Amino acid sequence: MDGTHGVDRFVVDAVDGEGLGMSGFGPGIELSGHLPPPDGGRPPTFVMNGFTITLVAVDGSTALMTLSP
């Protein structure tokens, strides 16, 4: 991450049957969020300082997600 959205480090904290836990860090900022596993409808999405994380699929301890500004 290049810091243009105020976040220069993105960390996946956990992936399991409950979904995806993540954190973002930047100068003077720490953000965190949780996305539930997709249920076949619209994929769960989290916006972190204008940066969008979409959880596409979860399989055990593996997640497929898209990251976009």
C-alpha atoms as a PDB file:
ATOM      1  CA  MET A   1       0.000   0.000   0.000  1.00  0.00           C
ATOM      2  CA  ASP A   2       1.416   3.362  -0.949  1.00  0.00           C
ATOM      3  CA  GLY A   3      -0.273   5.451   1.750  1.00  0.00           C
ATOM      4  CA  THR A   4      -2.424   7.550  -0.604  1.00  0.00           C
ATOM      5  CA  HIS A   5      -5.526   6.515   1.363  1.00  0.00           C
ATOM      6  CA  GLY A   6      -3.918   7.206   4.737  1.00  0.00           C
ATOM      7  CA  VAL A   7      -3.154   3.500   5.156  1.00  0.00           C
ATOM      8  CA  ASP A   8       0.304   2.212   4.316  1.00  0.00           C
ATOM      9  CA  ARG A   9       0.005  -1.283   5.792  1.00  0.00           C
ATOM     10  CA  PHE A  10      -2.883  -3.742   5.504  1.00  0.00           C
ATOM     11  CA  VAL A  11      -2.960  -6.887   7.667  1.00  0.00           C
ATOM     12  CA  VAL A  12      -5.282  -9.889   7.518  1.00  0.00           C
ATOM     13  CA  ASP A  13      -5.786 -10.731  11.194  1.00  0.00           C
ATOM     14  CA  ALA A  14      -7.942 -13.851  10.800  1.00  0.00           C
ATOM     15  CA  VAL A  15      -9.708 -15.987   8.220  1.00  0.00           C
ATOM     16  CA  ASP A  16     -12.085 -18.678   9.444  1.00  0.00           C
ATOM     17  CA  GLY A  17     -15.714 -19.785   9.379  1.00  0.00           C
ATOM     18  CA  GLU A  18     -16.682 -16.411  10.862  1.00  0.00           C
ATOM     19  CA  GLY A  19     -15.231 -14.528   7.869  1.00  0.00           C
ATOM     20  CA  LEU A  20     -12.294 -12.146   7.526  1.00  0.00           C
ATOM     21  CA  GLY A  21     -10.764  -9.868  10.157  1.00  0.00           C
ATOM     22  CA  MET A  22      -8.429  -7.114   8.937  1.00  0.00           C
ATOM     23  CA  SER A  23      -6.525  -4.047  10.110  1.00  0.00           C
ATOM     24  CA  GLY A  24      -5.051  -1.039   8.373  1.00  0.00           C
ATOM     25  CA  PHE A  25      -2.275   1.169   9.718  1.00  0.00           C
ATOM     26  CA  GLY A  26      -0.946   4.570   8.695  1.00  0.00           C
ATOM     27  CA  PRO A  27       0.618   7.651  10.260  1.00  0.00           C
ATOM     28  CA  GLY A  28      -1.445   8.256  13.401  1.00  0.00           C
ATOM     29  CA  ILE A  29      -4.252   5.905  12.337  1.00  0.00           C
ATOM     30  CA  GLU A  30      -5.305   2.342  13.024  1.00  0.00           C
ATOM     31  CA  LEU A  31      -8.475   0.915  11.500  1.00  0.00           C
ATOM     32  CA  SER A  32      -9.966  -2.541  11.813  1.00  0.00           C
ATOM     33  CA  GLY A  33     -12.961  -4.366  10.482  1.00  0.00           C
ATOM     34  CA  HIS A  34     -14.620  -7.725  10.031  1.00  0.00           C
ATOM     35  CA  LEU A  35     -16.461  -9.158   7.033  1.00  0.00           C
ATOM     36  CA  PRO A  36     -18.785 -12.164   7.363  1.00  0.00           C
ATOM     37  CA  PRO A  37     -18.435 -14.997   4.845  1.00  0.00           C
ATOM     38  CA  PRO A  38     -20.287 -14.424   1.544  1.00  0.00           C
ATOM     39  CA  ASP A  39     -23.742 -16.010   1.516  1.00  0.00           C
ATOM     40  CA  GLY A  40     -24.396 -16.114  -2.229  1.00  0.00           C
ATOM     41  CA  GLY A  41     -25.884 -12.617  -2.359  1.00  0.00           C
ATOM     42  CA  ARG A  42     -23.975  -9.389  -2.657  1.00  0.00           C
ATOM     43  CA  PRO A  43     -20.380  -9.929  -1.406  1.00  0.00           C
ATOM     44  CA  PRO A  44     -19.583  -8.269   1.937  1.00  0.00           C
ATOM     45  CA  THR A  45     -17.589  -5.050   1.540  1.00  0.00           C
ATOM     46  CA  PHE A  46     -15.625  -2.858   3.956  1.00  0.00           C
ATOM     47  CA  VAL A  47     -14.364   0.641   3.119  1.00  0.00           C
ATOM     48  CA  MET A  48     -11.212   1.721   4.933  1.00  0.00           C
ATOM     49  CA  ASN A  49     -10.356   5.407   4.288  1.00  0.00           C
ATOM     50  CA  GLY A  50     -11.702   5.214   0.732  1.00  0.00           C
ATOM     51  CA  PHE A  51     -10.015   1.853   0.047  1.00  0.00           C
ATOM     52  CA  THR A  52     -12.534  -0.949  -0.598  1.00  0.00           C
ATOM     53  CA  ILE A  53     -12.066  -4.549   0.557  1.00  0.00           C
ATOM     54  CA  THR A  54     -14.571  -7.065  -0.835  1.00  0.00           C
ATOM     55  CA  LEU A  55     -14.663 -10.638   0.465  1.00  0.00           C
ATOM     56  CA  VAL A  56     -15.353 -12.913  -2.499  1.00  0.00           C
ATOM     57  CA  ALA A  57     -14.945 -16.356  -0.886  1.00  0.00           C
ATOM     58  CA  VAL A  58     -13.756 -18.133   2.265  1.00  0.00           C
ATOM     59  CA  ASP A  59     -12.539 -21.740   2.299  1.00  0.00           C
ATOM     60  CA  GLY A  60     -11.267 -22.851   5.712  1.00  0.00           C
ATOM     61  CA  SER A  61      -8.393 -20.500   6.559  1.00  0.00           C
ATOM     62  CA  THR A  62      -8.102 -19.122   2.995  1.00  0.00           C
ATOM     63  CA  ALA A  63      -9.878 -16.027   1.702  1.00  0.00           C
ATOM     64  CA  LEU A  64     -10.270 -14.559  -1.770  1.00  0.00           C
ATOM     65  CA  MET A  65     -10.760 -10.791  -1.659  1.00  0.00           C
ATOM     66  CA  THR A  66     -10.503  -7.815  -3.965  1.00  0.00           C
ATOM     67  CA  LEU A  67      -8.798  -4.589  -2.949  1.00  0.00           C
ATOM     68  CA  SER A  68      -9.510  -1.375  -4.845  1.00  0.00           C
ATOM     69  CA  PRO A  69      -9.207   2.384  -4.375  1.00  0.00           C
END
